[in-house]
Amino acid sequence: MATSENGDVPPGELIKRADRAMLEQKAKSRAASHRHIKDWIEQRHHIAVSLEDIRYAGPCSG
């Protein structure tokens, strides 16, 4: 089980912090990942791919 250095942070809070950090990193790398995938598809299938699709706009606000 994960614990904080001094043991005063509850495990649930540690999980929240880790999840938040993971999502922040994912958001930072998402645009680069989409660009890399787009380039790969275009080079191998000789088609134009648009990243303007609404599916790439980010999380739903529902």
Protein backbone atom coordinates (compact mmCIF):
# COMPACT_ATOMS: atom_id res chain seq x y z
CA MET A 1 0.00 0.00 0.00
CA ALA A 2 1.24 3.50 -0.76
CA THR A 3 2.03 5.81 2.12
CA SER A 4 3.26 9.36 2.46
CA GLU A 5 6.76 10.04 3.73
CA ASN A 6 5.58 11.03 7.20
CA GLY A 7 2.44 8.83 7.25
CA ASP A 8 -0.08 11.60 7.90
CA VAL A 9 -1.72 11.59 4.45
CA PRO A 10 -4.61 9.14 4.07
CA PRO A 11 -4.29 6.55 1.26
CA GLY A 12 -7.37 7.99 -0.48
CA GLU A 13 -5.71 11.39 -0.72
CA LEU A 14 -2.54 9.82 -2.12
CA ILE A 15 -4.61 8.10 -4.81
CA LYS A 16 -6.33 11.39 -5.70
CA ARG A 17 -2.97 13.15 -5.99
CA ALA A 18 -1.50 10.38 -8.14
CA ASP A 19 -4.57 10.36 -10.39
CA ARG A 20 -4.44 14.14 -10.80
CA ALA A 21 -0.73 14.00 -11.70
CA MET A 22 -1.37 11.23 -14.24
CA LEU A 23 -4.18 13.20 -15.90
CA GLU A 24 -2.05 16.36 -16.04
CA GLN A 25 0.75 14.42 -17.77
CA LYS A 26 -1.74 12.85 -20.18
CA ALA A 27 -3.12 16.28 -21.09
CA LYS A 28 0.39 17.58 -21.76
CA SER A 29 1.31 14.70 -24.05
CA ARG A 30 -2.04 14.29 -25.84
CA ALA A 31 -1.49 16.85 -28.62
CA ALA A 32 1.94 15.43 -29.46
CA SER A 33 0.54 11.88 -29.46
CA HIS A 34 -2.31 12.82 -31.79
CA ARG A 35 0.12 14.55 -34.15
CA HIS A 36 2.40 11.50 -34.19
CA ILE A 37 -0.52 9.15 -34.94
CA LYS A 38 -1.82 11.52 -37.64
CA ASP A 39 1.59 11.62 -39.35
CA TRP A 40 1.91 7.84 -39.18
CA ILE A 41 -1.50 7.28 -40.79
CA GLU A 42 -0.87 9.87 -43.50
CA GLN A 43 2.53 8.41 -44.41
CA ARG A 44 1.41 4.80 -44.55
CA HIS A 45 -2.06 5.17 -46.04
CA HIS A 46 -1.45 8.24 -48.23
CA ILE A 47 -4.54 10.04 -46.95
CA ALA A 48 -5.10 13.38 -45.25
CA VAL A 49 -6.20 13.21 -41.63
CA SER A 50 -7.82 16.14 -39.83
CA LEU A 51 -7.31 16.68 -36.10
CA GLU A 52 -10.19 19.15 -36.09
CA ASP A 53 -12.63 16.32 -35.33
CA ILE A 54 -14.73 17.06 -32.23
CA ARG A 55 -13.55 13.77 -30.69
CA TYR A 56 -10.10 15.35 -30.20
CA ALA A 57 -11.42 18.51 -28.50
CA GLY A 58 -10.97 17.07 -25.01
CA PRO A 59 -13.15 15.72 -22.26
CA CYS A 60 -16.90 16.01 -22.54
CA SER A 61 -18.51 18.76 -20.51
CA GLY A 62 -21.70 16.85 -19.80
